[in-house]
Amino acid sequence: MAHPLVFNNIKEFYPYYLTQHRDTVSRALHAVGTGLVIGLFATMLATQLWWLFFLLPIVGYGFSWTGHFFFEKNKPAAFKKPLWSLACDFIMFWDVITGRFGKKIKEANRLFPE
């Protein structure tokens, strides 16, 4: 990575993404929103209520943007890299529920100190 804010791929972007989620309340809101999106998506597929698709971004972004604007006090990374940020949200969700987040955020903080 030549410059700290130039990313060639999602693997390089993910540590930066994590540093935009240092606040525990914000991370909790992200986890709740992502979990609800997964549940809503599964419900949509199971029930074939396709209109639920339109609720997915409202639920997901509603929780995450609340975390950013009221707790992190920063702009969501989705404003810069929307598709990578969406993917990273699911990766972060996995890291949180599997207990890997602590290690990952420490690595990210070394790369991108406050």
N, C-alpha and C. Protein backbone atom coordinates (compact mmCIF):
# COMPACT_ATOMS: atom_id res chain seq x y z
N MET A 1 0.86 -1.18 0.00
CA MET A 1 0.00 0.00 0.00
C MET A 1 0.90 1.24 0.00
N ALA A 2 0.86 2.01 -1.05
CA ALA A 2 1.75 3.16 -1.20
C ALA A 2 1.39 4.31 -0.27
N HIS A 3 0.14 4.63 -0.16
CA HIS A 3 -0.34 5.74 0.67
C HIS A 3 -1.41 5.18 1.59
N PRO A 4 -1.43 5.63 2.86
CA PRO A 4 -2.36 5.01 3.82
C PRO A 4 -3.84 5.06 3.44
N LEU A 5 -4.25 5.98 2.60
CA LEU A 5 -5.66 6.05 2.24
C LEU A 5 -5.92 5.65 0.79
N VAL A 6 -4.98 4.97 0.20
CA VAL A 6 -5.17 4.40 -1.13
C VAL A 6 -5.18 2.89 -0.96
N PHE A 7 -6.27 2.27 -1.36
CA PHE A 7 -6.44 0.84 -1.15
C PHE A 7 -6.60 0.15 -2.49
N ASN A 8 -5.85 -0.91 -2.67
CA ASN A 8 -5.89 -1.66 -3.92
C ASN A 8 -6.91 -2.79 -3.89
N ASN A 9 -7.30 -3.20 -2.71
CA ASN A 9 -8.24 -4.31 -2.58
C ASN A 9 -8.90 -4.28 -1.22
N ILE A 10 -9.86 -5.13 -1.04
CA ILE A 10 -10.63 -5.15 0.21
C ILE A 10 -9.77 -5.59 1.40
N LYS A 11 -8.78 -6.43 1.14
CA LYS A 11 -7.88 -6.87 2.22
C LYS A 11 -7.11 -5.69 2.80
N GLU A 12 -6.69 -4.77 1.96
CA GLU A 12 -6.02 -3.55 2.44
C GLU A 12 -7.01 -2.59 3.09
N PHE A 13 -8.22 -2.55 2.59
CA PHE A 13 -9.24 -1.61 3.08
C PHE A 13 -9.78 -2.02 4.46
N TYR A 14 -9.90 -3.32 4.71
CA TYR A 14 -10.55 -3.79 5.93
C TYR A 14 -9.94 -3.23 7.22
N PRO A 15 -8.61 -3.20 7.39
CA PRO A 15 -8.07 -2.61 8.62
C PRO A 15 -8.49 -1.14 8.81
N TYR A 16 -8.47 -0.38 7.72
CA TYR A 16 -8.94 1.01 7.80
C TYR A 16 -10.41 1.04 8.22
N TYR A 17 -11.21 0.19 7.60
CA TYR A 17 -12.63 0.11 7.92
C TYR A 17 -12.83 -0.14 9.42
N LEU A 18 -12.04 -1.06 9.97
CA LEU A 18 -12.16 -1.36 11.41
C LEU A 18 -11.87 -0.14 12.27
N THR A 19 -10.89 0.67 11.88
CA THR A 19 -10.56 1.84 12.69
C THR A 19 -11.66 2.89 12.66
N GLN A 20 -12.58 2.76 11.74
CA GLN A 20 -13.73 3.65 11.71
C GLN A 20 -14.85 3.16 12.62
N HIS A 21 -14.56 2.09 13.38
CA HIS A 21 -15.54 1.46 14.27
C HIS A 21 -14.91 1.17 15.63
N ARG A 22 -14.24 2.15 16.18
CA ARG A 22 -13.56 1.97 17.47
C ARG A 22 -14.53 2.01 18.64
N ASP A 23 -15.62 2.72 18.50
CA ASP A 23 -16.59 2.86 19.58
C ASP A 23 -17.41 1.57 19.75
N THR A 24 -17.50 1.08 20.98
CA THR A 24 -18.19 -0.19 21.22
C THR A 24 -19.69 -0.11 20.95
N VAL A 25 -20.31 1.03 21.23
CA VAL A 25 -21.75 1.17 20.95
C VAL A 25 -21.98 1.15 19.44
N SER A 26 -21.13 1.82 18.72
CA SER A 26 -21.25 1.82 17.26
C SER A 26 -21.11 0.41 16.71
N ARG A 27 -20.12 -0.34 17.20
CA ARG A 27 -19.95 -1.72 16.74
C ARG A 27 -21.15 -2.57 17.09
N ALA A 28 -21.70 -2.36 18.29
CA ALA A 28 -22.90 -3.11 18.69
C ALA A 28 -24.06 -2.79 17.76
N LEU A 29 -24.24 -1.53 17.42
CA LEU A 29 -25.31 -1.14 16.50
C LEU A 29 -25.09 -1.77 15.12
N HIS A 30 -23.85 -1.80 14.67
CA HIS A 30 -23.54 -2.45 13.40
C HIS A 30 -23.89 -3.94 13.46
N ALA A 31 -23.51 -4.58 14.55
CA ALA A 31 -23.77 -6.02 14.70
C ALA A 31 -25.27 -6.30 14.72
N VAL A 32 -26.02 -5.48 15.44
CA VAL A 32 -27.48 -5.66 15.49
C VAL A 32 -28.07 -5.46 14.09
N GLY A 33 -27.68 -4.38 13.43
CA GLY A 33 -28.19 -4.10 12.10
C GLY A 33 -27.86 -5.20 11.10
N THR A 34 -26.63 -5.67 11.13
CA THR A 34 -26.23 -6.74 10.21
C THR A 34 -26.96 -8.03 10.52
N GLY A 35 -27.09 -8.35 11.81
CA GLY A 35 -27.84 -9.54 12.20
C GLY A 35 -29.29 -9.47 11.75
N LEU A 36 -29.90 -8.30 11.91
CA LEU A 36 -31.28 -8.13 11.45
C LEU A 36 -31.40 -8.23 9.94
N VAL A 37 -30.42 -7.70 9.24
CA VAL A 37 -30.42 -7.80 7.76
C VAL A 37 -30.34 -9.27 7.34
N ILE A 38 -29.49 -10.03 7.98
CA ILE A 38 -29.38 -11.45 7.66
C ILE A 38 -30.70 -12.16 7.94
N GLY A 39 -31.29 -11.87 9.10
CA GLY A 39 -32.58 -12.46 9.43
C GLY A 39 -33.69 -12.05 8.48
N LEU A 40 -33.71 -10.77 8.13
CA LEU A 40 -34.71 -10.25 7.21
C LEU A 40 -34.55 -10.88 5.82
N PHE A 41 -33.31 -11.03 5.39
CA PHE A 41 -33.05 -11.64 4.09
C PHE A 41 -33.52 -13.10 4.08
N ALA A 42 -33.22 -13.82 5.15
CA ALA A 42 -33.66 -15.22 5.26
C ALA A 42 -35.18 -15.30 5.28
N THR A 43 -35.82 -14.38 6.00
CA THR A 43 -37.28 -14.34 6.05
C THR A 43 -37.85 -14.06 4.67
N MET A 44 -37.25 -13.12 3.97
CA MET A 44 -37.70 -12.79 2.62
C MET A 44 -37.64 -14.02 1.71
N LEU A 45 -36.54 -14.76 1.77
CA LEU A 45 -36.40 -15.95 0.94
C LEU A 45 -37.39 -17.04 1.34
N ALA A 46 -37.56 -17.22 2.65
CA ALA A 46 -38.44 -18.29 3.14
C ALA A 46 -39.90 -18.01 2.84
N THR A 47 -40.30 -16.75 2.95
CA THR A 47 -41.71 -16.39 2.78
C THR A 47 -42.04 -15.91 1.37
N GLN A 48 -41.01 -15.63 0.60
CA GLN A 48 -41.14 -15.07 -0.74
C GLN A 48 -41.89 -13.73 -0.73
N LEU A 49 -41.72 -13.00 0.35
CA LEU A 49 -42.26 -11.64 0.44
C LEU A 49 -41.17 -10.70 -0.08
N TRP A 50 -41.13 -10.53 -1.38
CA TRP A 50 -40.03 -9.84 -2.03
C TRP A 50 -39.96 -8.35 -1.69
N TRP A 51 -41.05 -7.77 -1.24
CA TRP A 51 -41.03 -6.36 -0.87
C TRP A 51 -40.11 -6.12 0.34
N LEU A 52 -39.82 -7.17 1.11
CA LEU A 52 -38.92 -7.03 2.25
C LEU A 52 -37.51 -6.60 1.81
N PHE A 53 -37.19 -6.86 0.55
CA PHE A 53 -35.90 -6.46 0.00
C PHE A 53 -35.64 -4.97 0.22
N PHE A 54 -36.69 -4.16 0.11
CA PHE A 54 -36.55 -2.71 0.24
C PHE A 54 -36.27 -2.27 1.67
N LEU A 55 -36.54 -3.16 2.62
CA LEU A 55 -36.25 -2.84 4.02
C LEU A 55 -34.78 -3.10 4.38
N LEU A 56 -34.11 -3.92 3.60
CA LEU A 56 -32.73 -4.30 3.93
C LEU A 56 -31.80 -3.09 4.12
N PRO A 57 -31.73 -2.15 3.18
CA PRO A 57 -30.83 -1.02 3.40
C PRO A 57 -31.30 -0.10 4.53
N ILE A 58 -32.60 0.01 4.72
CA ILE A 58 -33.12 0.86 5.79
C ILE A 58 -32.70 0.31 7.14
N VAL A 59 -32.85 -0.99 7.32
CA VAL A 59 -32.47 -1.62 8.58
C VAL A 59 -30.95 -1.59 8.75
N GLY A 60 -30.23 -2.04 7.76
CA GLY A 60 -28.77 -2.10 7.87
C GLY A 60 -28.13 -0.74 8.07
N TYR A 61 -28.44 0.18 7.18
CA TYR A 61 -27.83 1.51 7.28
C TYR A 61 -28.41 2.32 8.43
N GLY A 62 -29.64 2.08 8.80
CA GLY A 62 -30.22 2.80 9.93
C GLY A 62 -29.42 2.57 11.21
N PHE A 63 -29.11 1.33 11.49
CA PHE A 63 -28.32 1.02 12.69
C PHE A 63 -26.89 1.51 12.56
N SER A 64 -26.26 1.24 11.42
CA SER A 64 -24.84 1.60 11.29
C SER A 64 -24.65 3.11 11.25
N TRP A 65 -25.49 3.83 10.54
CA TRP A 65 -25.31 5.28 10.48
C TRP A 65 -25.62 5.95 11.81
N THR A 66 -26.53 5.38 12.58
CA THR A 66 -26.75 5.89 13.94
C THR A 66 -25.46 5.78 14.74
N GLY A 67 -24.79 4.64 14.60
CA GLY A 67 -23.52 4.45 15.29
C GLY A 67 -22.47 5.46 14.86
N HIS A 68 -22.40 5.73 13.57
CA HIS A 68 -21.40 6.67 13.08
C HIS A 68 -21.70 8.10 13.48
N PHE A 69 -22.92 8.53 13.26
CA PHE A 69 -23.23 9.95 13.48
C PHE A 69 -23.34 10.32 14.95
N PHE A 70 -23.79 9.40 15.82
CA PHE A 70 -23.99 9.74 17.22
C PHE A 70 -22.91 9.22 18.17
N PHE A 71 -22.17 8.20 17.78
CA PHE A 71 -21.18 7.63 18.68
C PHE A 71 -19.76 7.75 18.14
N GLU A 72 -19.53 7.37 16.91
CA GLU A 72 -18.20 7.49 16.32
C GLU A 72 -17.89 8.94 15.97
N LYS A 73 -18.92 9.68 15.62
CA LYS A 73 -18.76 11.07 15.17
C LYS A 73 -17.88 11.14 13.91
N ASN A 74 -18.12 10.20 12.99
CA ASN A 74 -17.40 10.20 11.73
C ASN A 74 -18.36 9.85 10.59
N LYS A 75 -17.87 10.01 9.39
CA LYS A 75 -18.68 9.65 8.23
C LYS A 75 -18.51 8.16 7.95
N PRO A 76 -19.58 7.47 7.61
CA PRO A 76 -19.46 6.05 7.28
C PRO A 76 -18.50 5.82 6.11
N ALA A 77 -17.72 4.76 6.21
CA ALA A 77 -16.80 4.40 5.13
C ALA A 77 -17.57 4.11 3.84
N ALA A 78 -18.85 3.80 3.98
CA ALA A 78 -19.69 3.52 2.80
C ALA A 78 -19.77 4.73 1.87
N PHE A 79 -19.52 5.91 2.39
CA PHE A 79 -19.55 7.10 1.54
C PHE A 79 -18.37 7.11 0.58
N LYS A 80 -17.26 6.43 0.96
CA LYS A 80 -16.06 6.41 0.13
C LYS A 80 -16.00 5.15 -0.74
N LYS A 81 -16.27 4.03 -0.13
CA LYS A 81 -16.18 2.72 -0.81
C LYS A 81 -17.43 1.92 -0.49
N PRO A 82 -18.55 2.17 -1.15
CA PRO A 82 -19.81 1.54 -0.75
C PRO A 82 -19.82 0.01 -0.82
N LEU A 83 -19.31 -0.57 -1.88
CA LEU A 83 -19.37 -2.04 -1.99
C LEU A 83 -18.38 -2.71 -1.04
N TRP A 84 -17.18 -2.16 -0.95
CA TRP A 84 -16.20 -2.72 -0.02
C TRP A 84 -16.70 -2.57 1.42
N SER A 85 -17.31 -1.44 1.73
CA SER A 85 -17.83 -1.22 3.08
C SER A 85 -18.94 -2.20 3.42
N LEU A 86 -19.80 -2.46 2.46
CA LEU A 86 -20.87 -3.43 2.68
C LEU A 86 -20.28 -4.81 2.98
N ALA A 87 -19.31 -5.22 2.17
CA ALA A 87 -18.66 -6.51 2.41
C ALA A 87 -17.95 -6.52 3.76
N CYS A 88 -17.27 -5.43 4.08
CA CYS A 88 -16.55 -5.35 5.36
C CYS A 88 -17.48 -5.38 6.55
N ASP A 89 -18.69 -4.89 6.38
CA ASP A 89 -19.67 -4.95 7.47
C ASP A 89 -19.97 -6.41 7.83
N PHE A 90 -20.11 -7.24 6.82
CA PHE A 90 -20.36 -8.66 7.08
C PHE A 90 -19.11 -9.36 7.62
N ILE A 91 -17.93 -8.95 7.15
CA ILE A 91 -16.69 -9.51 7.69
C ILE A 91 -16.53 -9.12 9.15
N MET A 92 -16.80 -7.84 9.47
CA MET A 92 -16.70 -7.38 10.85
C MET A 92 -17.72 -8.10 11.73
N PHE A 93 -18.92 -8.29 11.21
CA PHE A 93 -19.95 -9.03 11.95
C PHE A 93 -19.42 -10.42 12.31
N TRP A 94 -18.83 -11.09 11.34
CA TRP A 94 -18.27 -12.42 11.56
C TRP A 94 -17.15 -12.37 12.60
N ASP A 95 -16.28 -11.36 12.49
CA ASP A 95 -15.19 -11.23 13.46
C ASP A 95 -15.72 -10.96 14.87
N VAL A 96 -16.78 -10.19 14.98
CA VAL A 96 -17.38 -9.90 16.30
C VAL A 96 -17.98 -11.17 16.89
N ILE A 97 -18.81 -11.88 16.12
CA ILE A 97 -19.51 -13.04 16.70
C ILE A 97 -18.59 -14.24 16.91
N THR A 98 -17.44 -14.25 16.24
CA THR A 98 -16.49 -15.36 16.44
C THR A 98 -15.38 -15.00 17.42
N GLY A 99 -15.42 -13.79 17.98
CA GLY A 99 -14.43 -13.39 18.97
C GLY A 99 -13.09 -12.96 18.40
N ARG A 100 -13.01 -12.72 17.12
CA ARG A 100 -11.75 -12.32 16.49
C ARG A 100 -11.55 -10.81 16.41
N PHE A 101 -12.60 -10.07 16.75
CA PHE A 101 -12.54 -8.63 16.54
C PHE A 101 -11.41 -7.97 17.33
N GLY A 102 -11.21 -8.35 18.57
CA GLY A 102 -10.16 -7.73 19.40
C GLY A 102 -8.80 -7.79 18.75
N LYS A 103 -8.43 -8.95 18.24
CA LYS A 103 -7.14 -9.11 17.57
C LYS A 103 -7.08 -8.27 16.30
N LYS A 104 -8.17 -8.27 15.55
CA LYS A 104 -8.19 -7.54 14.27
C LYS A 104 -8.10 -6.02 14.49
N ILE A 105 -8.80 -5.50 15.52
CA ILE A 105 -8.76 -4.06 15.75
C ILE A 105 -7.39 -3.63 16.26
N LYS A 106 -6.72 -4.48 17.04
CA LYS A 106 -5.36 -4.15 17.48
C LYS A 106 -4.42 -4.04 16.29
N GLU A 107 -4.52 -4.98 15.36
CA GLU A 107 -3.70 -4.93 14.14
C GLU A 107 -4.02 -3.66 13.34
N ALA A 108 -5.30 -3.36 13.22
CA ALA A 108 -5.73 -2.17 12.46
C ALA A 108 -5.24 -0.89 13.12
N ASN A 109 -5.28 -0.83 14.44
CA ASN A 109 -4.83 0.37 15.15
C ASN A 109 -3.33 0.59 14.98
N ARG A 110 -2.58 -0.48 14.82
CA ARG A 110 -1.14 -0.33 14.56
C ARG A 110 -0.92 0.29 13.16
N LEU A 111 -1.73 -0.12 12.21
CA LEU A 111 -1.60 0.41 10.86
C LEU A 111 -2.14 1.83 10.72
N PHE A 112 -3.22 2.10 11.45
CA PHE A 112 -3.90 3.41 11.36
C PHE A 112 -4.14 3.95 12.76
N PRO A 113 -3.09 4.48 13.41
CA PRO A 113 -3.28 5.02 14.76
C PRO A 113 -4.19 6.24 14.73
N GLU A 114 -4.83 6.49 15.87
CA GLU A 114 -5.75 7.63 15.95
C GLU A 114 -5.04 8.94 15.76
